[in-house]
Amino acid sequence: MAHSKLTEEAMSKGKKILIGVIGALVVLCGLFMAFVSWANSDAGQATFKEVGTKNAIESATAAVQNARVAGTATAEAQVLNERIRNAQLVFEESFSEGSAFIAANNGDNPIHFSDGIPEIRARIDVWKSGKVVKDFIAEVDCATSGDGTFCGIAYGVHQNFYYASYIQAGERCGFDDRTSSFSTSKSWSCNYPPSPTTPGINRARVERFGQTMRFYVNGGLMDERVLDNAESQTGDVGLFLGQFNMGDASALDYVKVDSFKIWKMP
């Protein structure tokens, strides 16, 4: 009798487990059908599209970062150039002799042309393009020649108010924040890839999306940050060049500048 009772209890327990499993399957089936119904709705499709866009952006960013870690500058350049194909070129300066852009910005600073490329001797200077764009890509092909010389991109420019990302002699990179009365500057060694164009002429590129900034040199990601001052989104984009060491203008080292372009992002 005792054995029979234990057998009945075991069977009863087994039935309860089976009923529980079946019930769970029914609930899961119900949830799945509800999910399918929602996924086919307008709201579900919109959500999928949003997630897909976010994942695409994250994947593209990850691809750039992974390429940099692997040292494959060519792969990075392909990703960057793909973004430019979807952008609108709004400014281009080739720095030829007689350039109106040079005349409007260089003032009395000494300048010499070597193989069609200007060698500009200046102190800290911002040459505004006259283009105010919120989301943009800007790049400059340039070279530094001596201690303290630099070239790069200034953005969010309002007179003496701006951010700037640049390369400096000695394979150094820098970031200037001059958006407040307590201006800050950061310089660090950056192991960027070799020049993709003319040997010794490096390509510095700034990409800004809202308040997010990325700085590339020859296709390698050197800096990424969120810009604190939202007012910078309304400022000009300009060329940033010169020499930090002050002294007699005739004794200053020079910066070569070969090309300056700005694209507006859609």
Protein backbone atom coordinates (compact mmCIF):
# COMPACT_ATOMS: atom_id res chain seq x y z
CA MET A 1 0.00 0.00 0.00
CA ALA A 2 2.80 2.36 0.87
CA HIS A 3 4.51 1.62 -2.44
CA SER A 4 1.26 2.30 -4.31
CA LYS A 5 0.83 5.62 -2.52
CA LEU A 6 4.35 6.73 -3.39
CA THR A 7 3.79 5.77 -7.00
CA GLU A 8 0.58 7.82 -7.13
CA GLU A 9 2.34 10.81 -5.58
CA ALA A 10 5.16 10.55 -8.12
CA MET A 11 2.69 10.35 -10.97
CA SER A 12 0.78 13.30 -9.58
CA LYS A 13 4.00 15.33 -9.32
CA GLY A 14 4.97 14.37 -12.86
CA LYS A 15 1.57 15.49 -14.16
CA LYS A 16 1.96 18.83 -12.38
CA ILE A 17 5.40 19.34 -13.93
CA LEU A 18 4.06 18.41 -17.36
CA ILE A 19 1.11 20.77 -16.96
CA GLY A 20 3.52 23.52 -15.85
CA VAL A 21 5.74 22.98 -18.88
CA ILE A 22 2.76 22.99 -21.22
CA GLY A 23 1.46 26.14 -19.57
CA ALA A 24 4.81 27.86 -19.97
CA LEU A 25 4.91 26.87 -23.63
CA VAL A 26 1.42 28.28 -24.13
CA VAL A 27 2.46 31.56 -22.48
CA LEU A 28 5.63 31.73 -24.60
CA CYS A 29 3.61 31.03 -27.74
CA GLY A 30 1.23 33.79 -26.77
CA LEU A 31 4.08 36.20 -26.17
CA PHE A 32 5.69 35.21 -29.46
CA MET A 33 2.46 35.79 -31.38
CA ALA A 34 2.09 39.17 -29.66
CA PHE A 35 5.68 40.04 -30.59
CA VAL A 36 5.07 39.04 -34.23
CA SER A 37 1.94 41.19 -34.29
CA TRP A 38 3.82 44.17 -32.81
CA ALA A 39 6.82 43.64 -35.14
CA ASN A 40 4.55 43.90 -38.16
CA SER A 41 2.95 47.10 -36.89
CA ASP A 42 4.12 50.62 -37.86
CA ALA A 43 5.53 51.19 -34.37
CA GLY A 44 7.47 47.92 -34.49
CA GLN A 45 8.93 48.68 -37.92
CA ALA A 46 9.95 52.17 -36.82
CA THR A 47 11.71 50.72 -33.76
CA PHE A 48 13.55 48.16 -35.88
CA LYS A 49 14.68 50.92 -38.22
CA GLU A 50 15.93 53.04 -35.30
CA VAL A 51 17.81 50.10 -33.76
CA GLY A 52 19.22 49.20 -37.16
CA THR A 53 20.53 52.74 -37.68
CA LYS A 54 22.06 52.78 -34.19
CA ASN A 55 23.71 49.41 -34.75
CA ALA A 56 25.02 50.58 -38.11
CA ILE A 57 26.61 53.65 -36.51
CA GLU A 58 28.08 51.57 -33.69
CA SER A 59 29.40 49.01 -36.17
CA ALA A 60 31.00 51.71 -38.33
CA THR A 61 32.65 53.28 -35.26
CA ALA A 62 33.83 49.88 -34.05
CA ALA A 63 35.25 49.14 -37.50
CA VAL A 64 37.28 52.34 -37.42
CA GLN A 65 38.57 51.64 -33.90
CA ASN A 66 39.41 48.01 -34.69
CA ALA A 67 41.20 49.03 -37.85
CA ARG A 68 43.29 51.54 -35.89
CA VAL A 69 44.26 48.94 -33.31
CA ALA A 70 45.25 46.52 -36.07
CA GLY A 71 47.29 49.22 -37.76
CA THR A 72 45.35 48.98 -41.02
CA ALA A 73 45.21 52.63 -41.98
CA THR A 74 44.02 51.77 -45.48
CA ALA A 75 40.85 50.15 -44.13
CA GLU A 76 40.19 53.18 -41.95
CA ALA A 77 40.60 55.55 -44.88
CA GLN A 78 38.01 53.58 -46.85
CA VAL A 79 35.47 53.91 -44.03
CA LEU A 80 36.15 57.65 -43.68
CA ASN A 81 35.97 58.30 -47.41
CA GLU A 82 32.64 56.47 -47.58
CA ARG A 83 31.17 59.02 -45.20
CA ILE A 84 32.44 61.87 -47.38
CA ARG A 85 30.64 60.43 -50.42
CA ASN A 86 27.34 61.17 -48.65
CA ALA A 87 28.37 64.72 -47.66
CA GLN A 88 28.22 68.05 -49.50
CA LEU A 89 31.48 69.87 -50.26
CA VAL A 90 30.92 73.48 -49.19
CA PHE A 91 34.48 74.86 -49.13
CA GLU A 92 37.71 74.07 -50.97
CA GLU A 93 41.02 75.93 -50.99
CA SER A 94 44.10 74.73 -52.92
CA PHE A 95 46.47 77.54 -51.74
CA SER A 96 47.76 78.45 -55.18
CA GLU A 97 49.77 81.63 -55.72
CA GLY A 98 47.49 84.65 -55.81
CA SER A 99 44.92 82.89 -53.60
CA ALA A 100 42.29 85.30 -52.26
CA PHE A 101 41.99 83.14 -49.12
CA ILE A 102 45.69 83.58 -48.34
CA ALA A 103 45.55 87.31 -49.05
CA ALA A 104 42.54 87.75 -46.75
CA ASN A 105 44.10 85.90 -43.82
CA ASN A 106 47.91 85.98 -43.98
CA GLY A 107 48.35 89.71 -43.43
CA ASP A 108 51.99 90.77 -43.38
CA ASN A 109 53.35 87.36 -42.35
CA PRO A 110 56.25 86.15 -44.51
CA ILE A 111 55.22 83.56 -47.12
CA HIS A 112 57.18 81.58 -49.70
CA PHE A 113 56.02 79.08 -52.32
CA SER A 114 57.99 75.87 -52.81
CA ASP A 115 56.84 73.53 -55.61
CA GLY A 116 53.52 75.36 -55.63
CA ILE A 117 52.93 74.84 -51.89
CA PRO A 118 52.98 77.89 -49.59
CA GLU A 119 55.32 77.95 -46.60
CA ILE A 120 53.53 80.16 -44.09
CA ARG A 121 55.29 81.76 -41.15
CA ALA A 122 52.82 82.89 -38.53
CA ARG A 123 52.09 82.88 -34.84
CA ILE A 124 48.92 81.25 -33.49
CA ASP A 125 46.34 82.00 -36.15
CA VAL A 126 42.83 80.99 -37.26
CA TRP A 127 41.87 81.47 -40.90
CA LYS A 128 38.07 81.38 -41.00
CA SER A 129 36.39 79.78 -44.00
CA GLY A 130 33.14 81.73 -43.64
CA LYS A 131 31.23 78.43 -43.38
CA VAL A 132 29.03 77.84 -40.33
CA VAL A 133 27.97 74.18 -40.28
CA LYS A 134 26.71 72.12 -37.35
CA ASP A 135 27.66 68.63 -38.56
CA PHE A 136 30.71 68.58 -40.79
CA ILE A 137 33.94 66.98 -41.93
CA ALA A 138 36.94 69.26 -42.42
CA GLU A 139 40.42 68.25 -43.46
CA VAL A 140 43.71 69.93 -44.22
CA ASP A 141 46.86 68.57 -45.88
CA CYS A 142 49.77 70.24 -44.13
CA ALA A 143 53.28 69.82 -42.72
CA THR A 144 55.17 71.33 -39.80
CA SER A 145 58.84 72.21 -40.01
CA GLY A 146 60.21 73.09 -36.59
CA ASP A 147 59.71 73.09 -32.86
CA GLY A 148 56.32 74.47 -31.86
CA THR A 149 54.85 74.64 -35.39
CA PHE A 150 51.35 73.24 -35.83
CA CYS A 151 48.47 72.95 -38.27
CA GLY A 152 44.93 71.64 -38.02
CA ILE A 153 41.28 72.63 -37.84
CA ALA A 154 39.52 75.22 -35.66
CA TYR A 155 35.75 74.93 -35.22
CA GLY A 156 32.99 76.73 -33.39
CA VAL A 157 34.92 79.94 -34.11
CA HIS A 158 33.51 83.19 -32.68
CA GLN A 159 36.39 85.68 -32.86
CA ASN A 160 38.79 84.41 -30.14
CA PHE A 161 36.35 81.69 -29.04
CA TYR A 162 36.96 78.25 -30.59
CA TYR A 163 37.97 74.63 -30.28
CA ALA A 164 40.94 73.36 -32.29
CA SER A 165 42.49 69.97 -33.11
CA TYR A 166 45.95 69.92 -34.67
CA ILE A 167 49.22 68.14 -35.37
CA GLN A 168 52.48 69.53 -34.10
CA ALA A 169 56.16 69.02 -34.95
CA GLY A 170 57.66 65.90 -33.43
CA GLU A 171 54.63 63.67 -34.18
CA ARG A 172 52.50 65.28 -31.53
CA CYS A 173 48.77 65.96 -31.51
CA GLY A 174 46.92 68.65 -29.64
CA PHE A 175 43.50 69.92 -28.60
CA ASP A 176 42.77 73.54 -27.65
CA ASP A 177 39.65 74.67 -25.80
CA ARG A 178 39.35 78.44 -26.00
CA THR A 179 35.62 78.59 -25.37
CA SER A 180 35.89 80.18 -21.93
CA SER A 181 38.05 82.61 -20.00
CA PHE A 182 39.96 79.61 -18.62
CA SER A 183 41.33 78.24 -21.88
CA THR A 184 42.96 74.81 -21.82
CA SER A 185 45.39 73.07 -24.15
CA LYS A 186 46.41 69.43 -24.31
CA SER A 187 49.30 68.00 -26.33
CA TRP A 188 50.37 64.37 -26.54
CA SER A 189 52.50 62.02 -28.65
CA CYS A 190 50.43 60.36 -31.36
CA ASN A 191 51.68 57.48 -33.48
CA TYR A 192 49.74 58.25 -36.64
CA PRO A 193 50.01 56.31 -39.92
CA PRO A 194 52.20 57.57 -42.79
CA SER A 195 50.92 60.17 -45.22
CA PRO A 196 48.49 58.86 -47.86
CA THR A 197 49.44 61.62 -50.31
CA THR A 198 52.68 63.61 -50.60
CA PRO A 199 55.46 62.31 -48.28
CA GLY A 200 55.75 64.61 -45.28
CA ILE A 201 52.37 66.24 -45.92
CA ASN A 202 49.94 64.85 -43.34
CA ARG A 203 46.15 64.85 -43.55
CA ALA A 204 44.43 66.15 -40.42
CA ARG A 205 40.66 65.64 -40.31
CA VAL A 206 37.97 66.73 -37.86
CA GLU A 207 34.50 65.18 -37.88
CA ARG A 208 31.85 66.82 -35.70
CA PHE A 209 28.38 65.43 -35.16
CA GLY A 210 26.50 67.71 -32.76
CA GLN A 211 28.84 67.97 -29.78
CA THR A 212 30.80 64.81 -30.58
CA MET A 213 34.22 65.37 -32.18
CA ARG A 214 36.63 62.87 -33.74
CA PHE A 215 40.12 63.81 -34.90
CA TYR A 216 42.02 61.71 -37.45
CA VAL A 217 45.55 61.97 -38.83
CA ASN A 218 46.23 60.11 -42.08
CA GLY A 219 43.16 57.97 -41.44
CA GLY A 220 44.08 57.01 -37.87
CA LEU A 221 41.77 58.03 -35.02
CA MET A 222 43.82 60.18 -32.62
CA ASP A 223 41.18 61.85 -30.43
CA GLU A 224 37.48 61.55 -29.64
CA ARG A 225 35.56 63.71 -27.16
CA VAL A 226 32.28 65.44 -26.33
CA LEU A 227 32.54 69.23 -26.65
CA ASP A 228 31.31 70.98 -23.50
CA ASN A 229 30.18 74.25 -25.04
CA ALA A 230 27.04 73.88 -27.19
CA GLU A 231 27.60 77.38 -28.62
CA SER A 232 30.45 75.96 -30.68
CA GLN A 233 27.86 74.39 -33.00
CA THR A 234 27.03 77.84 -34.40
CA GLY A 235 30.59 78.98 -35.11
CA ASP A 236 32.78 79.11 -38.18
CA VAL A 237 35.14 76.35 -39.34
CA GLY A 238 38.68 77.48 -40.02
CA LEU A 239 42.30 76.60 -40.62
CA PHE A 240 44.44 76.53 -37.45
CA LEU A 241 48.16 77.08 -37.99
CA GLY A 242 51.27 78.82 -36.76
CA GLN A 243 53.94 78.46 -34.10
CA PHE A 244 53.53 78.46 -30.34
CA ASN A 245 57.02 79.84 -29.69
CA MET A 246 56.90 83.62 -29.82
CA GLY A 247 59.74 85.67 -31.24
CA ASP A 248 60.88 87.64 -34.26
CA ALA A 249 58.50 86.86 -37.15
CA SER A 250 61.41 86.54 -39.59
CA ALA A 251 62.91 83.76 -37.46
CA LEU A 252 59.74 81.67 -37.22
CA ASP A 253 59.65 78.21 -38.72
CA TYR A 254 57.03 77.61 -41.37
CA VAL A 255 53.94 75.51 -41.96
CA LYS A 256 53.19 74.05 -45.39
CA VAL A 257 49.52 73.93 -46.39
CA ASP A 258 48.44 72.12 -49.54
CA SER A 259 44.65 71.76 -49.32
CA PHE A 260 41.73 72.70 -47.03
CA LYS A 261 38.22 71.27 -47.51
CA ILE A 262 34.92 71.28 -45.62
CA TRP A 263 31.94 69.00 -46.16
CA LYS A 264 28.48 69.49 -44.70
CA MET A 265 26.97 66.29 -43.33
CA PRO A 266 23.33 65.49 -44.20
